């Protein structure tokens, strides 16, 4: 099973705790402000639709460039290994 650099970055405690904090703030803002909630929901639906359309349109290109993506992913994973070794703070949540 090949590692995915994006998944690895998202699993770093410093990144995952930051994302969780942002998600909580976003959710509490939506709950506190009904008008903001309706605007956010429209935006979320638009982003989902645009994302699905982009994925459908990009599929042939992605398939053709898959070997290059694999090489880039491997290089990025090695770079991440180096960063994790040199910067121990990446292994701690933001509050630490």
N, C-alpha and C. Protein backbone atom coordinates (compact mmCIF):
# COMPACT_ATOMS: atom_id res chain seq x y z
N UNK A 1 0.85 -1.19 0.00
CA UNK A 1 0.00 0.00 0.00
C UNK A 1 0.89 1.24 0.00
N UNK A 2 0.69 2.10 -0.97
CA UNK A 2 1.51 3.30 -1.10
C UNK A 2 1.02 4.40 -0.17
N UNK A 3 1.97 5.06 0.50
CA UNK A 3 1.61 6.17 1.37
C UNK A 3 1.11 7.34 0.54
N UNK A 4 0.23 8.11 1.13
CA UNK A 4 -0.26 9.32 0.49
C UNK A 4 0.21 10.50 1.34
N UNK A 5 0.97 11.39 0.75
CA UNK A 5 1.55 12.49 1.51
C UNK A 5 0.48 13.39 2.11
N UNK A 6 -0.61 13.61 1.42
CA UNK A 6 -1.67 14.45 1.95
C UNK A 6 -2.28 13.83 3.20
N UNK A 7 -2.53 12.53 3.17
CA UNK A 7 -3.08 11.85 4.34
C UNK A 7 -2.10 11.91 5.50
N UNK A 8 -0.82 11.74 5.22
CA UNK A 8 0.19 11.81 6.27
C UNK A 8 0.23 13.19 6.90
N UNK A 9 0.17 14.24 6.10
CA UNK A 9 0.20 15.60 6.62
C UNK A 9 -1.04 15.84 7.49
N UNK A 10 -2.20 15.39 7.02
CA UNK A 10 -3.43 15.59 7.79
C UNK A 10 -3.43 14.82 9.10
N UNK A 11 -2.62 13.76 9.19
CA UNK A 11 -2.55 12.97 10.42
C UNK A 11 -1.53 13.51 11.42
N UNK A 12 -0.70 14.46 10.99
CA UNK A 12 0.24 15.06 11.94
C UNK A 12 -0.56 15.74 13.05
N UNK A 13 -0.21 15.50 14.31
CA UNK A 13 -0.99 16.11 15.41
C UNK A 13 -1.15 17.62 15.29
N UNK A 14 -0.10 18.32 14.88
CA UNK A 14 -0.21 19.78 14.77
C UNK A 14 -1.22 20.18 13.70
N UNK A 15 -1.30 19.44 12.62
CA UNK A 15 -2.24 19.75 11.55
C UNK A 15 -3.65 19.30 11.93
N UNK A 16 -3.78 18.08 12.43
CA UNK A 16 -5.12 17.58 12.76
C UNK A 16 -5.76 18.40 13.88
N UNK A 17 -4.98 18.81 14.89
CA UNK A 17 -5.56 19.62 15.96
C UNK A 17 -5.97 21.00 15.45
N UNK A 18 -5.19 21.56 14.53
CA UNK A 18 -5.56 22.84 13.92
C UNK A 18 -6.85 22.71 13.13
N UNK A 19 -6.96 21.65 12.34
CA UNK A 19 -8.19 21.42 11.56
C UNK A 19 -9.40 21.22 12.46
N UNK A 20 -9.22 20.50 13.56
CA UNK A 20 -10.33 20.28 14.49
C UNK A 20 -10.77 21.60 15.12
N UNK A 21 -9.81 22.43 15.50
CA UNK A 21 -10.13 23.73 16.08
C UNK A 21 -10.90 24.59 15.09
N UNK A 22 -10.42 24.62 13.84
CA UNK A 22 -11.11 25.40 12.81
C UNK A 22 -12.52 24.88 12.57
N UNK A 23 -12.67 23.56 12.54
CA UNK A 23 -14.00 22.96 12.33
C UNK A 23 -14.95 23.33 13.46
N UNK A 24 -14.45 23.29 14.71
CA UNK A 24 -15.30 23.66 15.85
C UNK A 24 -15.72 25.13 15.76
N UNK A 25 -14.78 25.99 15.41
CA UNK A 25 -15.09 27.42 15.30
C UNK A 25 -16.11 27.66 14.18
N UNK A 26 -15.92 26.99 13.06
CA UNK A 26 -16.84 27.12 11.93
C UNK A 26 -18.24 26.67 12.34
N UNK A 27 -18.31 25.51 12.99
CA UNK A 27 -19.61 24.98 13.41
C UNK A 27 -20.28 25.88 14.44
N UNK A 28 -19.51 26.37 15.41
CA UNK A 28 -20.12 27.23 16.43
C UNK A 28 -20.58 28.56 15.83
N UNK A 29 -19.85 29.07 14.84
CA UNK A 29 -20.26 30.30 14.16
C UNK A 29 -21.57 30.07 13.41
N UNK A 30 -21.66 28.94 12.73
CA UNK A 30 -22.91 28.63 12.01
C UNK A 30 -24.08 28.49 12.97
N UNK A 31 -23.84 27.87 14.13
CA UNK A 31 -24.92 27.68 15.11
C UNK A 31 -25.35 29.00 15.74
N UNK A 32 -24.41 29.90 15.93
CA UNK A 32 -24.68 31.17 16.61
C UNK A 32 -25.35 32.20 15.71
N UNK A 33 -25.12 32.11 14.42
CA UNK A 33 -25.60 33.14 13.49
C UNK A 33 -26.40 32.48 12.35
N UNK A 34 -27.72 32.46 12.46
CA UNK A 34 -28.55 31.79 11.44
C UNK A 34 -28.32 32.31 10.02
N UNK A 35 -28.13 33.60 9.86
CA UNK A 35 -27.89 34.14 8.52
C UNK A 35 -26.58 33.60 7.97
N UNK A 36 -25.56 33.58 8.81
CA UNK A 36 -24.25 33.05 8.40
C UNK A 36 -24.38 31.57 8.04
N UNK A 37 -25.21 30.84 8.80
CA UNK A 37 -25.40 29.41 8.54
C UNK A 37 -25.98 29.20 7.15
N UNK A 38 -26.97 30.00 6.76
CA UNK A 38 -27.58 29.81 5.44
C UNK A 38 -26.59 30.16 4.33
N UNK A 39 -25.80 31.21 4.53
CA UNK A 39 -24.78 31.57 3.54
C UNK A 39 -23.75 30.46 3.42
N UNK A 40 -23.32 29.92 4.57
CA UNK A 40 -22.32 28.85 4.56
C UNK A 40 -22.85 27.60 3.87
N UNK A 41 -24.11 27.27 4.10
CA UNK A 41 -24.69 26.07 3.48
C UNK A 41 -24.74 26.21 1.96
N UNK A 42 -25.10 27.40 1.47
CA UNK A 42 -25.10 27.63 0.02
C UNK A 42 -23.69 27.47 -0.52
N UNK A 43 -22.73 28.06 0.17
CA UNK A 43 -21.33 27.96 -0.24
C UNK A 43 -20.86 26.51 -0.24
N UNK A 44 -21.20 25.76 0.81
CA UNK A 44 -20.79 24.35 0.92
C UNK A 44 -21.34 23.53 -0.24
N UNK A 45 -22.63 23.74 -0.58
CA UNK A 45 -23.22 23.01 -1.71
C UNK A 45 -22.52 23.37 -3.02
N UNK A 46 -22.20 24.66 -3.19
CA UNK A 46 -21.51 25.09 -4.40
C UNK A 46 -20.13 24.48 -4.51
N UNK A 47 -19.41 24.42 -3.40
CA UNK A 47 -18.07 23.82 -3.41
C UNK A 47 -18.15 22.33 -3.72
N UNK A 48 -19.13 21.64 -3.14
CA UNK A 48 -19.29 20.21 -3.41
C UNK A 48 -19.58 19.97 -4.89
N UNK A 49 -20.47 20.77 -5.45
CA UNK A 49 -20.81 20.62 -6.88
C UNK A 49 -19.62 20.93 -7.77
N UNK A 50 -18.90 21.99 -7.46
CA UNK A 50 -17.73 22.36 -8.26
C UNK A 50 -16.64 21.30 -8.14
N UNK A 51 -16.48 20.76 -6.94
CA UNK A 51 -15.48 19.72 -6.73
C UNK A 51 -15.79 18.47 -7.53
N UNK A 52 -17.06 18.07 -7.52
CA UNK A 52 -17.47 16.89 -8.28
C UNK A 52 -17.25 17.11 -9.78
N UNK A 53 -17.60 18.30 -10.26
CA UNK A 53 -17.42 18.61 -11.67
C UNK A 53 -15.94 18.63 -12.04
N UNK A 54 -15.11 19.21 -11.17
CA UNK A 54 -13.67 19.26 -11.44
C UNK A 54 -13.08 17.86 -11.47
N UNK A 55 -13.50 17.00 -10.55
CA UNK A 55 -12.98 15.62 -10.53
C UNK A 55 -13.37 14.87 -11.80
N UNK A 56 -14.60 15.06 -12.24
CA UNK A 56 -15.06 14.39 -13.46
C UNK A 56 -14.24 14.87 -14.65
N UNK A 57 -13.99 16.18 -14.74
CA UNK A 57 -13.24 16.73 -15.86
C UNK A 57 -11.76 16.38 -15.82
N UNK A 58 -11.21 16.20 -14.64
CA UNK A 58 -9.78 15.94 -14.49
C UNK A 58 -9.42 14.46 -14.56
N UNK A 59 -10.41 13.59 -14.47
CA UNK A 59 -10.14 12.16 -14.40
C UNK A 59 -9.22 11.65 -15.52
N UNK A 60 -9.47 11.99 -16.79
CA UNK A 60 -8.58 11.48 -17.85
C UNK A 60 -7.14 11.98 -17.69
N UNK A 61 -6.98 13.23 -17.27
CA UNK A 61 -5.64 13.80 -17.09
C UNK A 61 -4.94 13.11 -15.93
N UNK A 62 -5.66 12.92 -14.84
CA UNK A 62 -5.08 12.27 -13.66
C UNK A 62 -4.64 10.85 -14.01
N UNK A 63 -5.47 10.15 -14.75
CA UNK A 63 -5.12 8.77 -15.13
C UNK A 63 -3.85 8.75 -15.96
N UNK A 64 -3.72 9.70 -16.88
CA UNK A 64 -2.56 9.76 -17.75
C UNK A 64 -1.29 10.14 -16.98
N UNK A 65 -1.44 10.99 -15.97
CA UNK A 65 -0.28 11.47 -15.21
C UNK A 65 -0.01 10.67 -13.93
N UNK A 66 -0.70 9.56 -13.77
CA UNK A 66 -0.57 8.77 -12.54
C UNK A 66 0.88 8.39 -12.21
N UNK A 67 1.70 7.96 -13.17
CA UNK A 67 3.09 7.63 -12.82
C UNK A 67 3.86 8.84 -12.28
N UNK A 68 3.63 10.01 -12.86
CA UNK A 68 4.32 11.21 -12.38
C UNK A 68 3.83 11.59 -10.98
N UNK A 69 2.53 11.43 -10.72
CA UNK A 69 1.99 11.71 -9.39
C UNK A 69 2.60 10.77 -8.36
N UNK A 70 2.79 9.52 -8.73
CA UNK A 70 3.38 8.55 -7.81
C UNK A 70 4.81 8.94 -7.45
N UNK A 71 5.59 9.37 -8.42
CA UNK A 71 6.96 9.80 -8.16
C UNK A 71 6.95 11.04 -7.25
N UNK A 72 6.10 12.01 -7.56
CA UNK A 72 6.01 13.23 -6.75
C UNK A 72 5.57 12.90 -5.32
N UNK A 73 4.63 11.99 -5.18
CA UNK A 73 4.15 11.58 -3.86
C UNK A 73 5.28 10.94 -3.06
N UNK A 74 6.06 10.06 -3.70
CA UNK A 74 7.18 9.41 -3.01
C UNK A 74 8.21 10.44 -2.55
N UNK A 75 8.53 11.38 -3.41
CA UNK A 75 9.49 12.44 -3.04
C UNK A 75 8.94 13.26 -1.88
N UNK A 76 7.66 13.60 -1.93
CA UNK A 76 7.05 14.39 -0.86
C UNK A 76 7.03 13.62 0.45
N UNK A 77 6.79 12.31 0.39
CA UNK A 77 6.81 11.48 1.61
C UNK A 77 8.20 11.45 2.23
N UNK A 78 9.22 11.35 1.38
CA UNK A 78 10.60 11.37 1.90
C UNK A 78 10.92 12.72 2.53
N UNK A 79 10.46 13.79 1.89
CA UNK A 79 10.66 15.12 2.46
C UNK A 79 9.94 15.28 3.79
N UNK A 80 8.75 14.70 3.89
CA UNK A 80 7.99 14.75 5.13
C UNK A 80 8.70 13.95 6.22
N UNK A 81 9.27 12.80 5.86
CA UNK A 81 10.06 12.02 6.81
C UNK A 81 11.17 12.90 7.40
N UNK A 82 11.86 13.63 6.54
CA UNK A 82 12.95 14.50 6.97
C UNK A 82 12.44 15.61 7.89
N UNK A 83 11.32 16.24 7.52
CA UNK A 83 10.75 17.29 8.36
C UNK A 83 10.34 16.77 9.73
N UNK A 84 9.71 15.60 9.75
CA UNK A 84 9.28 15.02 11.03
C UNK A 84 10.48 14.72 11.92
N UNK A 85 11.57 14.32 11.31
CA UNK A 85 12.79 14.02 12.06
C UNK A 85 13.41 15.31 12.62
N UNK A 86 13.41 16.36 11.83
CA UNK A 86 14.08 17.61 12.21
C UNK A 86 13.22 18.54 13.05
N UNK A 87 11.89 18.41 12.96
CA UNK A 87 10.99 19.32 13.68
C UNK A 87 10.04 18.50 14.56
N UNK A 88 10.47 18.13 15.75
CA UNK A 88 9.64 17.30 16.64
C UNK A 88 8.29 17.95 16.99
N UNK A 89 8.20 19.27 16.94
CA UNK A 89 6.95 19.95 17.28
C UNK A 89 5.78 19.53 16.39
N UNK A 90 6.08 18.98 15.22
CA UNK A 90 5.01 18.51 14.33
C UNK A 90 4.20 17.37 14.95
N UNK A 91 4.79 16.72 15.94
CA UNK A 91 4.14 15.56 16.56
C UNK A 91 3.26 15.95 17.76
N UNK A 92 3.14 17.26 18.02
CA UNK A 92 2.34 17.72 19.15
C UNK A 92 1.16 18.56 18.67
N UNK A 93 0.04 18.48 19.39
CA UNK A 93 -1.10 19.33 19.05
C UNK A 93 -0.72 20.81 19.22
N UNK A 94 -1.50 21.67 18.62
CA UNK A 94 -1.21 23.11 18.64
C UNK A 94 -1.10 23.65 20.05
N UNK A 95 -1.96 23.19 20.95
CA UNK A 95 -1.96 23.74 22.31
C UNK A 95 -0.72 23.39 23.13
N UNK A 96 0.09 22.47 22.65
CA UNK A 96 1.33 22.11 23.36
C UNK A 96 2.49 22.80 22.70
